[in-house]
């Protein structure tokens, strides 16, 4: 596997997990007076992790496609004309 893809995937995993924890806590603490940091448990943690892994891999794949296209001096044009 390409080293850049691994780096992008790893960074995506870390940032994605941090983002997911922030959103999780915003939802859990929405109607509470005191903000308390919590982590998802059980099946909720598995679902969250699965989404983070999938989006990180998708980000790495898209980045790799764009980098290869730009590296070959291929002009990228929007699909909507």
C-alpha atoms as a PDB file:
ATOM      1  CA  UNK A   1       0.000   0.000   0.000  1.00  0.00           C
ATOM      2  CA  UNK A   2       1.133   3.519  -0.781  1.00  0.00           C
ATOM      3  CA  UNK A   3       2.793   5.329   2.175  1.00  0.00           C
ATOM      4  CA  UNK A   4       0.786   8.497   1.521  1.00  0.00           C
ATOM      5  CA  UNK A   5      -2.466   6.554   1.610  1.00  0.00           C
ATOM      6  CA  UNK A   6      -1.513   5.115   5.006  1.00  0.00           C
ATOM      7  CA  UNK A   7      -0.649   8.574   6.343  1.00  0.00           C
ATOM      8  CA  UNK A   8      -3.887  10.096   5.072  1.00  0.00           C
ATOM      9  CA  UNK A   9      -5.920   7.181   6.425  1.00  0.00           C
ATOM     10  CA  UNK A  10      -4.232   7.394   9.827  1.00  0.00           C
ATOM     11  CA  UNK A  11      -4.744  11.136  10.069  1.00  0.00           C
ATOM     12  CA  UNK A  12      -8.352  10.685   8.972  1.00  0.00           C
ATOM     13  CA  UNK A  13      -8.894   8.085  11.682  1.00  0.00           C
ATOM     14  CA  UNK A  14      -7.518  10.337  14.417  1.00  0.00           C
ATOM     15  CA  UNK A  15      -9.381  13.437  13.307  1.00  0.00           C
ATOM     16  CA  UNK A  16     -12.540  11.456  12.599  1.00  0.00           C
ATOM     17  CA  UNK A  17     -12.519   9.871  16.038  1.00  0.00           C
ATOM     18  CA  UNK A  18     -11.976  13.235  17.739  1.00  0.00           C
ATOM     19  CA  UNK A  19     -14.789  14.775  15.688  1.00  0.00           C
ATOM     20  CA  UNK A  20     -17.130  11.871  16.476  1.00  0.00           C
ATOM     21  CA  UNK A  21     -16.451  12.189  20.216  1.00  0.00           C
ATOM     22  CA  UNK A  22     -17.172  15.933  20.074  1.00  0.00           C
ATOM     23  CA  UNK A  23     -20.504  15.397  18.271  1.00  0.00           C
ATOM     24  CA  UNK A  24     -21.381  12.494  20.561  1.00  0.00           C
ATOM     25  CA  UNK A  25     -20.826  14.662  23.633  1.00  0.00           C
ATOM     26  CA  UNK A  26     -22.716  17.616  22.190  1.00  0.00           C
ATOM     27  CA  UNK A  27     -25.711  15.327  21.702  1.00  0.00           C
ATOM     28  CA  UNK A  28     -25.434  13.627  25.088  1.00  0.00           C
ATOM     29  CA  UNK A  29     -25.104  16.935  26.947  1.00  0.00           C
ATOM     30  CA  UNK A  30     -27.704  18.899  24.969  1.00  0.00           C
ATOM     31  CA  UNK A  31     -30.237  19.360  27.787  1.00  0.00           C
ATOM     32  CA  UNK A  32     -27.862  19.138  30.745  1.00  0.00           C
ATOM     33  CA  UNK A  33     -26.575  22.031  32.820  1.00  0.00           C
ATOM     34  CA  UNK A  34     -23.130  20.519  33.394  1.00  0.00           C
ATOM     35  CA  UNK A  35     -21.083  19.323  30.410  1.00  0.00           C
ATOM     36  CA  UNK A  36     -19.650  15.849  31.037  1.00  0.00           C
ATOM     37  CA  UNK A  37     -17.331  14.085  28.570  1.00  0.00           C
ATOM     38  CA  UNK A  38     -18.513  10.569  27.738  1.00  0.00           C
ATOM     39  CA  UNK A  39     -17.445   7.840  25.319  1.00  0.00           C
ATOM     40  CA  UNK A  40     -19.770   5.562  23.381  1.00  0.00           C
ATOM     41  CA  UNK A  41     -20.032   2.038  24.771  1.00  0.00           C
ATOM     42  CA  UNK A  42     -20.687  -1.376  23.251  1.00  0.00           C
ATOM     43  CA  UNK A  43     -22.467  -1.546  19.905  1.00  0.00           C
ATOM     44  CA  UNK A  44     -22.590   2.247  19.660  1.00  0.00           C
ATOM     45  CA  UNK A  45     -18.782   2.357  19.795  1.00  0.00           C
ATOM     46  CA  UNK A  46     -18.553  -0.326  17.092  1.00  0.00           C
ATOM     47  CA  UNK A  47     -20.947   1.553  14.803  1.00  0.00           C
ATOM     48  CA  UNK A  48     -19.088   4.826  15.324  1.00  0.00           C
ATOM     49  CA  UNK A  49     -15.718   3.170  14.694  1.00  0.00           C
ATOM     50  CA  UNK A  50     -17.022   1.530  11.517  1.00  0.00           C
ATOM     51  CA  UNK A  51     -18.217   4.841  10.130  1.00  0.00           C
ATOM     52  CA  UNK A  52     -14.915   6.516  10.986  1.00  0.00           C
ATOM     53  CA  UNK A  53     -12.907   3.742   9.308  1.00  0.00           C
ATOM     54  CA  UNK A  54     -15.089   3.807   6.184  1.00  0.00           C
ATOM     55  CA  UNK A  55     -14.886   7.585   5.783  1.00  0.00           C
ATOM     56  CA  UNK A  56     -11.129   7.614   6.434  1.00  0.00           C
ATOM     57  CA  UNK A  57     -10.567   4.991   3.747  1.00  0.00           C
ATOM     58  CA  UNK A  58     -12.825   6.897   1.344  1.00  0.00           C
ATOM     59  CA  UNK A  59     -10.892  10.114   2.021  1.00  0.00           C
ATOM     60  CA  UNK A  60      -7.569   8.371   1.401  1.00  0.00           C
ATOM     61  CA  UNK A  61      -8.840   6.790  -1.828  1.00  0.00           C
ATOM     62  CA  UNK A  62     -10.220  10.084  -3.134  1.00  0.00           C
ATOM     63  CA  UNK A  63      -7.007  11.908  -2.205  1.00  0.00           C
ATOM     64  CA  UNK A  64      -4.973   9.277  -4.022  1.00  0.00           C
ATOM     65  CA  UNK A  65      -7.148   9.553  -7.147  1.00  0.00           C
ATOM     66  CA  UNK A  66      -6.888  13.344  -7.173  1.00  0.00           C
ATOM     67  CA  UNK A  67      -3.137  13.276  -6.536  1.00  0.00           C
ATOM     68  CA  UNK A  68      -2.604  10.820  -9.392  1.00  0.00           C
ATOM     69  CA  UNK A  69      -4.751  12.885 -11.744  1.00  0.00           C
ATOM     70  CA  UNK A  70      -2.998  16.146 -10.851  1.00  0.00           C
ATOM     71  CA  UNK A  71       0.422  14.505 -10.989  1.00  0.00           C
ATOM     72  CA  UNK A  72      -0.212  13.464 -14.579  1.00  0.00           C
ATOM     73  CA  UNK A  73      -1.172  17.030 -15.495  1.00  0.00           C
ATOM     74  CA  UNK A  74      -4.714  15.923 -16.250  1.00  0.00           C
ATOM     75  CA  UNK A  75      -7.100  18.815 -16.127  1.00  0.00           C
ATOM     76  CA  UNK A  76      -9.867  18.253 -13.619  1.00  0.00           C
ATOM     77  CA  UNK A  77     -13.207  19.632 -14.735  1.00  0.00           C
ATOM     78  CA  UNK A  78     -16.442  19.709 -12.799  1.00  0.00           C
ATOM     79  CA  UNK A  79     -19.040  17.128 -13.765  1.00  0.00           C
ATOM     80  CA  UNK A  80     -21.621  19.898 -14.071  1.00  0.00           C
ATOM     81  CA  UNK A  81     -21.036  21.920 -17.200  1.00  0.00           C
END
